[in-house]
């Protein structure tokens, strides 16, 4: 297993298996989310991962609107059953590395609200 695969597995385990009660609750202004780069997962209490993504600013990503939230509300999920699992990263991380990590995590989990899962890189 490569170092990149091991890093992707470690991040995925953090995003997917953090206790639900320790995940970020949904708030209208998202001030509880750091304004820094990172990977994130939209999770449902019983279903598990709904969406995985990355952003240059986690807070900005959610305060600007996010399609996974819209879809989950259209599917009538109770907002108390949907939370965010965050994995903040250093602003100096290599963007190509972040793309590769996100692609590996998506291929491993295939969350239902990720419309396009990158093919093998």
PDB file of N, CA and C in Angstrom:
ATOM      1  N   UNK A   1       0.850  -1.175   0.000  1.00  0.00           N
ATOM      2  CA  UNK A   1       0.000   0.000   0.000  1.00  0.00           C
ATOM      3  C   UNK A   1       0.901   1.245   0.000  1.00  0.00           C
ATOM      4  N   UNK A   2       0.577   2.210  -0.838  1.00  0.00           N
ATOM      5  CA  UNK A   2       1.388   3.412  -0.935  1.00  0.00           C
ATOM      6  C   UNK A   2       1.093   4.357   0.226  1.00  0.00           C
ATOM      7  N   UNK A   3       1.985   5.327   0.418  1.00  0.00           N
ATOM      8  CA  UNK A   3       1.771   6.332   1.460  1.00  0.00           C
ATOM      9  C   UNK A   3       0.467   7.087   1.219  1.00  0.00           C
ATOM     10  N   UNK A   4       0.169   7.384  -0.054  1.00  0.00           N
ATOM     11  CA  UNK A   4      -1.051   8.103  -0.393  1.00  0.00           C
ATOM     12  C   UNK A   4      -2.285   7.275  -0.032  1.00  0.00           C
ATOM     13  N   UNK A   5      -2.256   5.996  -0.331  1.00  0.00           N
ATOM     14  CA  UNK A   5      -3.376   5.112   0.016  1.00  0.00           C
ATOM     15  C   UNK A   5      -3.562   5.056   1.524  1.00  0.00           C
ATOM     16  N   UNK A   6      -2.472   4.985   2.256  1.00  0.00           N
ATOM     17  CA  UNK A   6      -2.556   4.936   3.713  1.00  0.00           C
ATOM     18  C   UNK A   6      -3.130   6.245   4.264  1.00  0.00           C
ATOM     19  N   UNK A   7      -2.695   7.372   3.700  1.00  0.00           N
ATOM     20  CA  UNK A   7      -3.223   8.671   4.127  1.00  0.00           C
ATOM     21  C   UNK A   7      -4.712   8.777   3.824  1.00  0.00           C
ATOM     22  N   UNK A   8      -5.129   8.336   2.629  1.00  0.00           N
ATOM     23  CA  UNK A   8      -6.548   8.354   2.262  1.00  0.00           C
ATOM     24  C   UNK A   8      -7.358   7.477   3.213  1.00  0.00           C
ATOM     25  N   UNK A   9      -6.852   6.298   3.544  1.00  0.00           N
ATOM     26  CA  UNK A   9      -7.554   5.413   4.482  1.00  0.00           C
ATOM     27  C   UNK A   9      -7.694   6.064   5.851  1.00  0.00           C
ATOM     28  N   UNK A  10      -6.630   6.721   6.305  1.00  0.00           N
ATOM     29  CA  UNK A  10      -6.660   7.369   7.616  1.00  0.00           C
ATOM     30  C   UNK A  10      -7.699   8.492   7.646  1.00  0.00           C
ATOM     31  N   UNK A  11      -7.730   9.312   6.594  1.00  0.00           N
ATOM     32  CA  UNK A  11      -8.696  10.406   6.520  1.00  0.00           C
ATOM     33  C   UNK A  11     -10.112   9.853   6.422  1.00  0.00           C
ATOM     34  N   UNK A  12     -10.308   8.835   5.584  1.00  0.00           N
ATOM     35  CA  UNK A  12     -11.624   8.227   5.448  1.00  0.00           C
ATOM     36  C   UNK A  12     -12.121   7.687   6.787  1.00  0.00           C
ATOM     37  N   UNK A  13     -11.259   7.021   7.516  1.00  0.00           N
ATOM     38  CA  UNK A  13     -11.663   6.502   8.823  1.00  0.00           C
ATOM     39  C   UNK A  13     -12.066   7.625   9.766  1.00  0.00           C
ATOM     40  N   UNK A  14     -11.347   8.737   9.703  1.00  0.00           N
ATOM     41  CA  UNK A  14     -11.709   9.887  10.531  1.00  0.00           C
ATOM     42  C   UNK A  14     -13.075  10.431  10.134  1.00  0.00           C
ATOM     43  N   UNK A  15     -13.296  10.607   8.836  1.00  0.00           N
ATOM     44  CA  UNK A  15     -14.557  11.177   8.358  1.00  0.00           C
ATOM     45  C   UNK A  15     -15.751  10.237   8.585  1.00  0.00           C
ATOM     46  N   UNK A  16     -15.542   8.968   8.334  1.00  0.00           N
ATOM     47  CA  UNK A  16     -16.652   8.013   8.347  1.00  0.00           C
ATOM     48  C   UNK A  16     -16.969   7.457   9.727  1.00  0.00           C
ATOM     49  N   UNK A  17     -15.965   7.365  10.596  1.00  0.00           N
ATOM     50  CA  UNK A  17     -16.189   6.657  11.848  1.00  0.00           C
ATOM     51  C   UNK A  17     -16.082   7.521  13.086  1.00  0.00           C
ATOM     52  N   UNK A  18     -15.945   8.832  12.912  1.00  0.00           N
ATOM     53  CA  UNK A  18     -16.022   9.720  14.061  1.00  0.00           C
ATOM     54  C   UNK A  18     -17.409   9.541  14.668  1.00  0.00           C
ATOM     55  N   UNK A  19     -17.526   9.416  15.988  1.00  0.00           N
ATOM     56  CA  UNK A  19     -18.863   9.256  16.578  1.00  0.00           C
ATOM     57  C   UNK A  19     -19.795  10.382  16.118  1.00  0.00           C
ATOM     58  N   UNK A  20     -21.003  10.023  15.751  1.00  0.00           N
ATOM     59  CA  UNK A  20     -21.962  10.986  15.212  1.00  0.00           C
ATOM     60  C   UNK A  20     -22.147  12.166  16.170  1.00  0.00           C
ATOM     61  N   UNK A  21     -22.163  11.907  17.446  1.00  0.00           N
ATOM     62  CA  UNK A  21     -22.346  12.975  18.433  1.00  0.00           C
ATOM     63  C   UNK A  21     -21.182  13.954  18.463  1.00  0.00           C
ATOM     64  N   UNK A  22     -20.029  13.586  17.897  1.00  0.00           N
ATOM     65  CA  UNK A  22     -18.880  14.483  17.840  1.00  0.00           C
ATOM     66  C   UNK A  22     -18.813  15.253  16.530  1.00  0.00           C
ATOM     67  N   UNK A  23     -19.695  14.958  15.586  1.00  0.00           N
ATOM     68  CA  UNK A  23     -19.728  15.669  14.311  1.00  0.00           C
ATOM     69  C   UNK A  23     -20.372  17.041  14.509  1.00  0.00           C
ATOM     70  N   UNK A  24     -20.101  17.959  13.584  1.00  0.00           N
ATOM     71  CA  UNK A  24     -20.638  19.311  13.659  1.00  0.00           C
ATOM     72  C   UNK A  24     -22.137  19.306  13.371  1.00  0.00           C
ATOM     73  N   UNK A  25     -22.879  19.955  14.250  1.00  0.00           N
ATOM     74  CA  UNK A  25     -24.313  20.105  14.009  1.00  0.00           C
ATOM     75  C   UNK A  25     -24.522  21.169  12.943  1.00  0.00           C
ATOM     76  N   UNK A  26     -25.661  21.131  12.307  1.00  0.00           N
ATOM     77  CA  UNK A  26     -25.979  22.111  11.278  1.00  0.00           C
ATOM     78  C   UNK A  26     -26.463  23.395  11.934  1.00  0.00           C
ATOM     79  N   UNK A  27     -25.878  24.493  11.532  1.00  0.00           N
ATOM     80  CA  UNK A  27     -26.279  25.809  11.996  1.00  0.00           C
ATOM     81  C   UNK A  27     -26.446  26.698  10.782  1.00  0.00           C
ATOM     82  N   UNK A  28     -27.339  27.640  10.893  1.00  0.00           N
ATOM     83  CA  UNK A  28     -27.642  28.493   9.750  1.00  0.00           C
ATOM     84  C   UNK A  28     -26.429  29.303   9.273  1.00  0.00           C
ATOM     85  N   UNK A  29     -25.585  29.780  10.191  1.00  0.00           N
ATOM     86  CA  UNK A  29     -24.461  30.631   9.788  1.00  0.00           C
ATOM     87  C   UNK A  29     -23.128  29.874   9.690  1.00  0.00           C
ATOM     88  N   UNK A  30     -23.074  28.632  10.128  1.00  0.00           N
ATOM     89  CA  UNK A  30     -21.896  27.764  10.012  1.00  0.00           C
ATOM     90  C   UNK A  30     -20.648  28.336  10.695  1.00  0.00           C
ATOM     91  N   UNK A  31     -20.829  29.168  11.724  1.00  0.00           N
ATOM     92  CA  UNK A  31     -19.674  29.718  12.432  1.00  0.00           C
ATOM     93  C   UNK A  31     -18.924  28.649  13.221  1.00  0.00           C
ATOM     94  N   UNK A  32     -19.526  27.486  13.405  1.00  0.00           N
ATOM     95  CA  UNK A  32     -18.850  26.397  14.125  1.00  0.00           C
ATOM     96  C   UNK A  32     -17.889  25.623  13.229  1.00  0.00           C
ATOM     97  N   UNK A  33     -17.796  25.997  11.954  1.00  0.00           N
ATOM     98  CA  UNK A  33     -16.928  25.314  10.992  1.00  0.00           C
ATOM     99  C   UNK A  33     -15.710  26.195  10.724  1.00  0.00           C
ATOM    100  N   UNK A  34     -14.507  25.623  10.750  1.00  0.00           N
ATOM    101  CA  UNK A  34     -13.315  26.442  10.505  1.00  0.00           C
ATOM    102  C   UNK A  34     -13.259  26.967   9.071  1.00  0.00           C
ATOM    103  N   UNK A  35     -12.723  28.180   8.929  1.00  0.00           N
ATOM    104  CA  UNK A  35     -12.562  28.804   7.605  1.00  0.00           C
ATOM    105  C   UNK A  35     -11.185  28.457   7.069  1.00  0.00           C
ATOM    106  N   UNK A  36     -10.946  27.164   6.887  1.00  0.00           N
ATOM    107  CA  UNK A  36      -9.660  26.706   6.360  1.00  0.00           C
ATOM    108  C   UNK A  36      -9.887  25.540   5.419  1.00  0.00           C
ATOM    109  N   UNK A  37      -8.878  25.162   4.638  1.00  0.00           N
ATOM    110  CA  UNK A  37      -9.052  24.055   3.691  1.00  0.00           C
ATOM    111  C   UNK A  37      -9.314  22.742   4.418  1.00  0.00           C
ATOM    112  N   UNK A  38      -9.970  21.836   3.713  1.00  0.00           N
ATOM    113  CA  UNK A  38     -10.165  20.522   4.303  1.00  0.00           C
ATOM    114  C   UNK A  38     -11.054  19.619   3.482  1.00  0.00           C
ATOM    115  N   UNK A  39     -11.138  18.399   3.944  1.00  0.00           N
ATOM    116  CA  UNK A  39     -12.066  17.406   3.406  1.00  0.00           C
ATOM    117  C   UNK A  39     -13.218  17.314   4.387  1.00  0.00           C
ATOM    118  N   UNK A  40     -14.395  16.956   3.886  1.00  0.00           N
ATOM    119  CA  UNK A  40     -15.557  16.885   4.759  1.00  0.00           C
ATOM    120  C   UNK A  40     -16.488  15.775   4.298  1.00  0.00           C
ATOM    121  N   UNK A  41     -17.317  15.333   5.224  1.00  0.00           N
ATOM    122  CA  UNK A  41     -18.340  14.347   4.904  1.00  0.00           C
ATOM    123  C   UNK A  41     -19.664  14.834   5.473  1.00  0.00           C
ATOM    124  N   UNK A  42     -20.709  14.750   4.658  1.00  0.00           N
ATOM    125  CA  UNK A  42     -22.068  14.966   5.138  1.00  0.00           C
ATOM    126  C   UNK A  42     -22.558  13.584   5.527  1.00  0.00           C
ATOM    127  N   UNK A  43     -22.931  13.436   6.785  1.00  0.00           N
ATOM    128  CA  UNK A  43     -23.288  12.113   7.306  1.00  0.00           C
ATOM    129  C   UNK A  43     -24.694  12.099   7.857  1.00  0.00           C
ATOM    130  N   UNK A  44     -25.335  10.954   7.749  1.00  0.00           N
ATOM    131  CA  UNK A  44     -26.657  10.722   8.333  1.00  0.00           C
ATOM    132  C   UNK A  44     -26.477   9.792   9.524  1.00  0.00           C
ATOM    133  N   UNK A  45     -27.252  10.031  10.560  1.00  0.00           N
ATOM    134  CA  UNK A  45     -27.133   9.270  11.809  1.00  0.00           C
ATOM    135  C   UNK A  45     -27.169   7.760  11.582  1.00  0.00           C
ATOM    136  N   UNK A  46     -28.095   7.255  10.778  1.00  0.00           N
ATOM    137  CA  UNK A  46     -28.219   5.803  10.601  1.00  0.00           C
ATOM    138  C   UNK A  46     -27.775   5.313   9.225  1.00  0.00           C
ATOM    139  N   UNK A  47     -27.865   6.141   8.202  1.00  0.00           N
ATOM    140  CA  UNK A  47     -27.509   5.723   6.842  1.00  0.00           C
ATOM    141  C   UNK A  47     -25.996   5.759   6.638  1.00  0.00           C
ATOM    142  N   UNK A  48     -25.316   6.709   7.269  1.00  0.00           N
ATOM    143  CA  UNK A  48     -23.865   6.843   7.114  1.00  0.00           C
ATOM    144  C   UNK A  48     -23.515   7.973   6.184  1.00  0.00           C
ATOM    145  N   UNK A  49     -22.481   7.774   5.359  1.00  0.00           N
ATOM    146  CA  UNK A  49     -21.989   8.822   4.471  1.00  0.00           C
ATOM    147  C   UNK A  49     -23.002   9.154   3.380  1.00  0.00           C
ATOM    148  N   UNK A  50     -23.277  10.452   3.224  1.00  0.00           N
ATOM    149  CA  UNK A  50     -24.144  10.920   2.148  1.00  0.00           C
ATOM    150  C   UNK A  50     -23.340  11.606   1.046  1.00  0.00           C
ATOM    151  N   UNK A  51     -22.260  12.275   1.450  1.00  0.00           N
ATOM    152  CA  UNK A  51     -21.489  13.071   0.497  1.00  0.00           C
ATOM    153  C   UNK A  51     -20.094  13.299   1.066  1.00  0.00           C
ATOM    154  N   UNK A  52     -19.093  13.281   0.212  1.00  0.00           N
ATOM    155  CA  UNK A  52     -17.723  13.614   0.608  1.00  0.00           C
ATOM    156  C   UNK A  52     -17.191  14.639  -0.377  1.00  0.00           C
ATOM    157  N   UNK A  53     -16.479  15.646   0.149  1.00  0.00           N
ATOM    158  CA  UNK A  53     -15.913  16.660  -0.719  1.00  0.00           C
ATOM    159  C   UNK A  53     -14.701  17.321  -0.095  1.00  0.00           C
ATOM    160  N   UNK A  54     -14.172  18.294  -0.810  1.00  0.00           N
ATOM    161  CA  UNK A  54     -13.043  19.078  -0.325  1.00  0.00           C
ATOM    162  C   UNK A  54     -13.336  20.538  -0.622  1.00  0.00           C
ATOM    163  N   UNK A  55     -12.661  21.410   0.118  1.00  0.00           N
ATOM    164  CA  UNK A  55     -12.877  22.832  -0.091  1.00  0.00           C
ATOM    165  C   UNK A  55     -11.661  23.620   0.343  1.00  0.00           C
ATOM    166  N   UNK A  56     -11.463  24.774  -0.287  1.00  0.00           N
ATOM    167  CA  UNK A  56     -10.393  25.686   0.129  1.00  0.00           C
ATOM    168  C   UNK A  56     -10.767  26.383   1.427  1.00  0.00           C
ATOM    169  N   UNK A  57     -12.081  26.499   1.699  1.00  0.00           N
ATOM    170  CA  UNK A  57     -12.580  27.067   2.950  1.00  0.00           C
ATOM    171  C   UNK A  57     -13.813  26.270   3.350  1.00  0.00           C
ATOM    172  N   UNK A  58     -13.689  25.469   4.400  1.00  0.00           N
ATOM    173  CA  UNK A  58     -14.824  24.640   4.829  1.00  0.00           C
ATOM    174  C   UNK A  58     -16.040  25.509   5.154  1.00  0.00           C
ATOM    175  N   UNK A  59     -15.843  26.576   5.923  1.00  0.00           N
ATOM    176  CA  UNK A  59     -16.978  27.436   6.278  1.00  0.00           C
ATOM    177  C   UNK A  59     -17.589  28.058   5.029  1.00  0.00           C
ATOM    178  N   UNK A  60     -16.741  28.569   4.137  1.00  0.00           N
ATOM    179  CA  UNK A  60     -17.240  29.193   2.918  1.00  0.00           C
ATOM    180  C   UNK A  60     -18.035  28.221   2.062  1.00  0.00           C
ATOM    181  N   UNK A  61     -17.618  26.970   2.051  1.00  0.00           N
ATOM    182  CA  UNK A  61     -18.310  25.954   1.243  1.00  0.00           C
ATOM    183  C   UNK A  61     -19.752  25.776   1.688  1.00  0.00           C
ATOM    184  N   UNK A  62     -19.972  25.827   2.990  1.00  0.00           N
ATOM    185  CA  UNK A  62     -21.318  25.590   3.501  1.00  0.00           C
ATOM    186  C   UNK A  62     -22.134  26.865   3.632  1.00  0.00           C
ATOM    187  N   UNK A  63     -21.502  27.966   3.973  1.00  0.00           N
ATOM    188  CA  UNK A  63     -22.261  29.211   4.095  1.00  0.00           C
ATOM    189  C   UNK A  63     -22.712  29.708   2.728  1.00  0.00           C
ATOM    190  N   UNK A  64     -22.020  29.292   1.668  1.00  0.00           N
ATOM    191  CA  UNK A  64     -22.400  29.669   0.311  1.00  0.00           C
ATOM    192  C   UNK A  64     -23.452  28.757  -0.304  1.00  0.00           C
ATOM    193  N   UNK A  65     -23.922  27.775   0.436  1.00  0.00           N
ATOM    194  CA  UNK A  65     -24.903  26.812  -0.071  1.00  0.00           C
ATOM    195  C   UNK A  65     -24.201  25.537  -0.499  1.00  0.00           C
ATOM    196  N   UNK A  66     -24.901  24.435  -0.361  1.00  0.00           N
ATOM    197  CA  UNK A  66     -24.296  23.146  -0.695  1.00  0.00           C
ATOM    198  C   UNK A  66     -25.388  22.204  -1.190  1.00  0.00           C
ATOM    199  N   UNK A  67     -25.182  21.655  -2.371  1.00  0.00           N
ATOM    200  CA  UNK A  67     -26.217  20.830  -2.996  1.00  0.00           C
ATOM    201  C   UNK A  67     -26.563  19.581  -2.194  1.00  0.00           C
ATOM    202  N   UNK A  68     -25.627  18.997  -1.468  1.00  0.00           N
ATOM    203  CA  UNK A  68     -25.938  17.793  -0.692  1.00  0.00           C
ATOM    204  C   UNK A  68     -26.971  18.096   0.390  1.00  0.00           C
ATOM    205  N   UNK A  69     -26.895  19.308   0.956  1.00  0.00           N
ATOM    206  CA  UNK A  69     -27.904  19.670   1.952  1.00  0.00           C
ATOM    207  C   UNK A  69     -29.271  19.805   1.300  1.00  0.00           C
ATOM    208  N   UNK A  70     -29.320  20.479   0.160  1.00  0.00           N
ATOM    209  CA  UNK A  70     -30.589  20.628  -0.545  1.00  0.00           C
ATOM    210  C   UNK A  70     -31.174  19.260  -0.871  1.00  0.00           C
ATOM    211  N   UNK A  71     -30.348  18.365  -1.396  1.00  0.00           N
ATOM    212  CA  UNK A  71     -30.838  17.036  -1.746  1.00  0.00           C
ATOM    213  C   UNK A  71     -31.328  16.280  -0.521  1.00  0.00           C
ATOM    214  N   UNK A  72     -30.603  16.379   0.593  1.00  0.00           N
ATOM    215  CA  UNK A  72     -31.025  15.645   1.782  1.00  0.00           C
ATOM    216  C   UNK A  72     -32.343  16.191   2.301  1.00  0.00           C
ATOM    217  N   UNK A  73     -32.545  17.504   2.205  1.00  0.00           N
ATOM    218  CA  UNK A  73     -33.827  18.055   2.643  1.00  0.00           C
ATOM    219  C   UNK A  73     -34.938  17.647   1.679  1.00  0.00           C
ATOM    220  N   UNK A  74     -34.636  17.592   0.384  1.00  0.00           N
ATOM    221  CA  UNK A  74     -35.648  17.136  -0.566  1.00  0.00           C
ATOM    222  C   UNK A  74     -36.024  15.681  -0.303  1.00  0.00           C
ATOM    223  N   UNK A  75     -35.052  14.908   0.175  1.00  0.00           N
ATOM    224  CA  UNK A  75     -35.333  13.514   0.524  1.00  0.00           C
ATOM    225  C   UNK A  75     -35.956  13.385   1.903  1.00  0.00           C
ATOM    226  N   UNK A  76     -36.225  14.527   2.528  1.00  0.00           N
ATOM    227  CA  UNK A  76     -36.940  14.593   3.797  1.00  0.00           C
ATOM    228  C   UNK A  76     -36.184  13.976   4.972  1.00  0.00           C
ATOM    229  N   UNK A  77     -34.858  14.105   4.969  1.00  0.00           N
ATOM    230  CA  UNK A  77     -34.097  13.716   6.149  1.00  0.00           C
ATOM    231  C   UNK A  77     -34.326  14.758   7.226  1.00  0.00           C
ATOM    232  N   UNK A  78     -34.481  14.328   8.436  1.00  0.00           N
ATOM    233  CA  UNK A  78     -34.596  15.229   9.565  1.00  0.00           C
ATOM    234  C   UNK A  78     -33.244  15.919   9.741  1.00  0.00           C
ATOM    235  N   UNK A  79     -33.235  17.254   9.849  1.00  0.00           N
ATOM    236  CA  UNK A  79     -31.957  17.967   9.941  1.00  0.00           C
ATOM    237  C   UNK A  79     -31.162  17.589  11.190  1.00  0.00           C
ATOM    238  N   UNK A  80     -31.808  17.048  12.211  1.00  0.00           N
ATOM    239  CA  UNK A  80     -31.080  16.597  13.395  1.00  0.00           C
ATOM    240  C   UNK A  80     -30.343  15.280  13.136  1.00  0.00           C
ATOM    241  N   UNK A  81     -30.675  14.611  12.033  1.00  0.00           N
ATOM    242  CA  UNK A  81     -30.022  13.354  11.671  1.00  0.00           C
ATOM    243  C   UNK A  81     -28.889  13.547  10.671  1.00  0.00           C
ATOM    244  N   UNK A  82     -28.607  14.796  10.272  1.00  0.00           N
ATOM    245  CA  UNK A  82     -27.556  15.089   9.313  1.00  0.00           C
ATOM    246  C   UNK A  82     -26.525  15.990  10.001  1.00  0.00           C
ATOM    247  N   UNK A  83     -25.259  15.576   9.937  1.00  0.00           N
ATOM    248  CA  UNK A  83     -24.167  16.348  10.546  1.00  0.00           C
ATOM    249  C   UNK A  83     -22.947  16.328   9.634  1.00  0.00           C
ATOM    250  N   UNK A  84     -21.962  17.119  10.005  1.00  0.00           N
ATOM    251  CA  UNK A  84     -20.738  17.232   9.226  1.00  0.00           C
ATOM    252  C   UNK A  84     -19.563  16.646   9.991  1.00  0.00           C
ATOM    253  N   UNK A  85     -18.792  15.844   9.292  1.00  0.00           N
ATOM    254  CA  UNK A  85     -17.524  15.345   9.811  1.00  0.00           C
ATOM    255  C   UNK A  85     -16.448  16.076   9.019  1.00  0.00           C
ATOM    256  N   UNK A  86     -15.532  16.739   9.725  1.00  0.00           N
ATOM    257  CA  UNK A  86     -14.549  17.599   9.074  1.00  0.00           C
ATOM    258  C   UNK A  86     -13.132  17.089   9.280  1.00  0.00           C
ATOM    259  N   UNK A  87     -12.303  17.306   8.269  1.00  0.00           N
ATOM    260  CA  UNK A  87     -10.889  16.982   8.361  1.00  0.00           C
ATOM    261  C   UNK A  87     -10.115  18.188   7.830  1.00  0.00           C
ATOM    262  N   UNK A  88      -9.861  19.200   8.702  1.00  0.00           N
ATOM    263  CA  UNK A  88      -9.122  20.384   8.256  1.00  0.00           C
ATOM    264  C   UNK A  88      -7.706  20.006   7.818  1.00  0.00           C
ATOM    265  N   UNK A  89      -7.213  20.747   6.841  1.00  0.00           N
ATOM    266  CA  UNK A  89      -5.874  20.515   6.297  1.00  0.00           C
ATOM    267  C   UNK A  89      -5.065  21.801   6.339  1.00  0.00           C
ATOM    268  N   UNK A  90      -3.797  21.664   6.181  1.00  0.00           N
ATOM    269  CA  UNK A  90      -2.911  22.819   6.102  1.00  0.00           C
ATOM    270  C   UNK A  90      -3.179  23.558   4.794  1.00  0.00           C
ATOM    271  N   UNK A  91      -3.179  24.886   4.824  1.00  0.00           N
ATOM    272  CA  UNK A  91      -3.361  25.635   3.575  1.00  0.00           C
ATOM    273  C   UNK A  91      -2.232  25.396   2.581  1.00  0.00           C
ATOM    274  N   UNK A  92      -1.147  24.787   3.019  1.00  0.00           N
ATOM    275  CA  UNK A  92      -0.004  24.560   2.148  1.00  0.00           C
ATOM    276  C   UNK A  92       0.009  23.158   1.552  1.00  0.00           C
ATOM    277  N   UNK A  93      -1.041  22.380   1.782  1.00  0.00           N
ATOM    278  CA  UNK A  93      -1.105  21.033   1.200  1.00  0.00           C
ATOM    279  C   UNK A  93      -1.109  21.144  -0.325  1.00  0.00           C
ATOM    280  N   UNK A  94      -0.524  20.190  -0.983  1.00  0.00           N
ATOM    281  CA  UNK A  94      -0.460  20.127  -2.441  1.00  0.00           C
ATOM    282  C   UNK A  94      -1.863  19.882  -3.007  1.00  0.00           C
ATOM    283  N   UNK A  95      -2.392  20.794  -3.856  1.00  0.00           N
ATOM    284  CA  UNK A  95      -3.736  20.600  -4.426  1.00  0.00           C
ATOM    285  C   UNK A  95      -3.892  19.271  -5.166  1.00  0.00           C
ATOM    286  N   UNK A  96      -2.853  18.812  -5.859  1.00  0.00           N
ATOM    287  CA  UNK A  96      -2.934  17.529  -6.567  1.00  0.00           C
ATOM    288  C   UNK A  96      -3.094  16.382  -5.574  1.00  0.00           C
ATOM    289  N   UNK A  97      -2.430  16.490  -4.438  1.00  0.00           N
ATOM    290  CA  UNK A  97      -2.575  15.482  -3.394  1.00  0.00           C
ATOM    291  C   UNK A  97      -4.012  15.457  -2.869  1.00  0.00           C
ATOM    292  N   UNK A  98      -4.598  16.627  -2.671  1.00  0.00           N
ATOM    293  CA  UNK A  98      -5.974  16.698  -2.181  1.00  0.00           C
ATOM    294  C   UNK A  98      -6.948  16.074  -3.180  1.00  0.00           C
ATOM    295  N   UNK A  99      -6.740  16.354  -4.467  1.00  0.00           N
ATOM    296  CA  UNK A  99      -7.591  15.751  -5.496  1.00  0.00           C
ATOM    297  C   UNK A  99      -7.479  14.228  -5.473  1.00  0.00           C
ATOM    298  N   UNK A 100      -6.265  13.736  -5.358  1.00  0.00           N
ATOM    299  CA  UNK A 100      -6.043  12.292  -5.325  1.00  0.00           C
ATOM    300  C   UNK A 100      -6.676  11.670  -4.083  1.00  0.00           C
ATOM    301  N   UNK A 101      -6.513  12.313  -2.932  1.00  0.00           N
ATOM    302  CA  UNK A 101      -7.119  11.792  -1.705  1.00  0.00           C
ATOM    303  C   UNK A 101      -8.642  11.750  -1.824  1.00  0.00           C
ATOM    304  N   UNK A 102      -9.230  12.840  -2.328  1.00  0.00           N
ATOM    305  CA  UNK A 102     -10.685  12.876  -2.484  1.00  0.00           C
ATOM    306  C   UNK A 102     -11.144  11.770  -3.435  1.00  0.00           C
ATOM    307  N   UNK A 103     -10.455  11.599  -4.554  1.00  0.00           N
ATOM    308  CA  UNK A 103     -10.838  10.575  -5.532  1.00  0.00           C
ATOM    309  C   UNK A 103     -10.762   9.182  -4.922  1.00  0.00           C
ATOM    310  N   UNK A 104      -9.705   8.902  -4.191  1.00  0.00           N
ATOM    311  CA  UNK A 104      -9.560   7.575  -3.556  1.00  0.00           C
ATOM    312  C   UNK A 104     -10.665   7.322  -2.537  1.00  0.00           C
ATOM    313  N   UNK A 105     -10.965   8.338  -1.746  1.00  0.00           N
ATOM    314  CA  UNK A 105     -12.011   8.192  -0.732  1.00  0.00           C
ATOM    315  C   UNK A 105     -13.371   7.988  -1.398  1.00  0.00           C
ATOM    316  N   UNK A 106     -13.644   8.734  -2.450  1.00  0.00           N
ATOM    317  CA  UNK A 106     -14.926   8.586  -3.158  1.00  0.00           C
ATOM    318  C   UNK A 106     -15.066   7.198  -3.775  1.00  0.00           C
ATOM    319  N   UNK A 107     -13.996   6.712  -4.386  1.00  0.00           N
ATOM    320  CA  UNK A 107     -14.061   5.377  -4.997  1.00  0.00           C
ATOM    321  C   UNK A 107     -14.280   4.304  -3.940  1.00  0.00           C
ATOM    322  N   UNK A 108     -13.730   4.510  -2.753  1.00  0.00           N
ATOM    323  CA  UNK A 108     -13.858   3.513  -1.688  1.00  0.00           C
ATOM    324  C   UNK A 108     -15.255   3.503  -1.072  1.00  0.00           C
ATOM    325  N   UNK A 109     -15.941   4.635  -1.085  1.00  0.00           N
ATOM    326  CA  UNK A 109     -17.217   4.723  -0.356  1.00  0.00           C
ATOM    327  C   UNK A 109     -18.455   4.897  -1.232  1.00  0.00           C
ATOM    328  N   UNK A 110     -18.305   5.533  -2.398  1.00  0.00           N
ATOM    329  CA  UNK A 110     -19.411   5.818  -3.311  1.00  0.00           C
ATOM    330  C   UNK A 110     -20.632   6.397  -2.591  1.00  0.00           C
ATOM    331  N   UNK A 111     -20.479   7.568  -1.932  1.00  0.00           N
ATOM    332  CA  UNK A 111     -21.622   8.175  -1.239  1.00  0.00           C
ATOM    333  C   UNK A 111     -22.747   8.495  -2.218  1.00  0.00           C
ATOM    334  N   UNK A 112     -24.004   8.355  -1.793  1.00  0.00           N
ATOM    335  CA  UNK A 112     -25.136   8.498  -2.721  1.00  0.00           C
ATOM    336  C   UNK A 112     -25.323   9.887  -3.312  1.00  0.00           C
ATOM    337  N   UNK A 113     -24.840  10.952  -2.670  1.00  0.00           N
ATOM    338  CA  UNK A 113     -25.053  12.294  -3.199  1.00  0.00           C
ATOM    339  C   UNK A 113     -23.866  12.834  -3.986  1.00  0.00           C
ATOM    340  N   UNK A 114     -22.798  12.076  -4.111  1.00  0.00           N
ATOM    341  CA  UNK A 114     -21.714  12.460  -5.000  1.00  0.00           C
ATOM    342  C   UNK A 114     -22.113  12.015  -6.401  1.00  0.00           C
ATOM    343  N   UNK A 115     -22.420  12.970  -7.247  1.00  0.00           N
ATOM    344  CA  UNK A 115     -22.921  12.665  -8.588  1.00  0.00           C
ATOM    345  C   UNK A 115     -21.846  12.034  -9.461  1.00  0.00           C
ATOM    346  N   UNK A 116     -20.638  12.579  -9.412  1.00  0.00           N
ATOM    347  CA  UNK A 116     -19.568  12.108 -10.267  1.00  0.00           C
ATOM    348  C   UNK A 116     -18.415  11.650  -9.402  1.00  0.00           C
ATOM    349  N   UNK A 117     -18.097  10.375  -9.494  1.00  0.00           N
ATOM    350  CA  UNK A 117     -16.969   9.834  -8.757  1.00  0.00           C
ATOM    351  C   UNK A 117     -15.812   9.716  -9.734  1.00  0.00           C
ATOM    352  N   UNK A 118     -14.675  10.379  -9.438  1.00  0.00           N
ATOM    353  CA  UNK A 118     -13.555  10.363 -10.390  1.00  0.00           C
ATOM    354  C   UNK A 118     -13.108   8.955 -10.733  1.00  0.00           C
ATOM    355  N   UNK A 119     -12.720   8.775 -11.989  1.00  0.00           N
ATOM    356  CA  UNK A 119     -12.202   7.473 -12.418  1.00  0.00           C
ATOM    357  C   UNK A 119     -10.786   7.317 -11.897  1.00  0.00           C
ATOM    358  N   UNK A 120     -10.222   6.151 -12.114  1.00  0.00           N
ATOM    359  CA  UNK A 120      -8.859   5.901 -11.666  1.00  0.00           C
ATOM    360  C   UNK A 120      -7.914   6.971 -12.177  1.00  0.00           C
ATOM    361  N   UNK A 121      -7.022   7.398 -11.339  1.00  0.00           N
ATOM    362  CA  UNK A 121      -6.057   8.438 -11.722  1.00  0.00           C
ATOM    363  C   UNK A 121      -4.755   7.765 -12.064  1.00  0.00           C
TER     364      UNK A 121
END
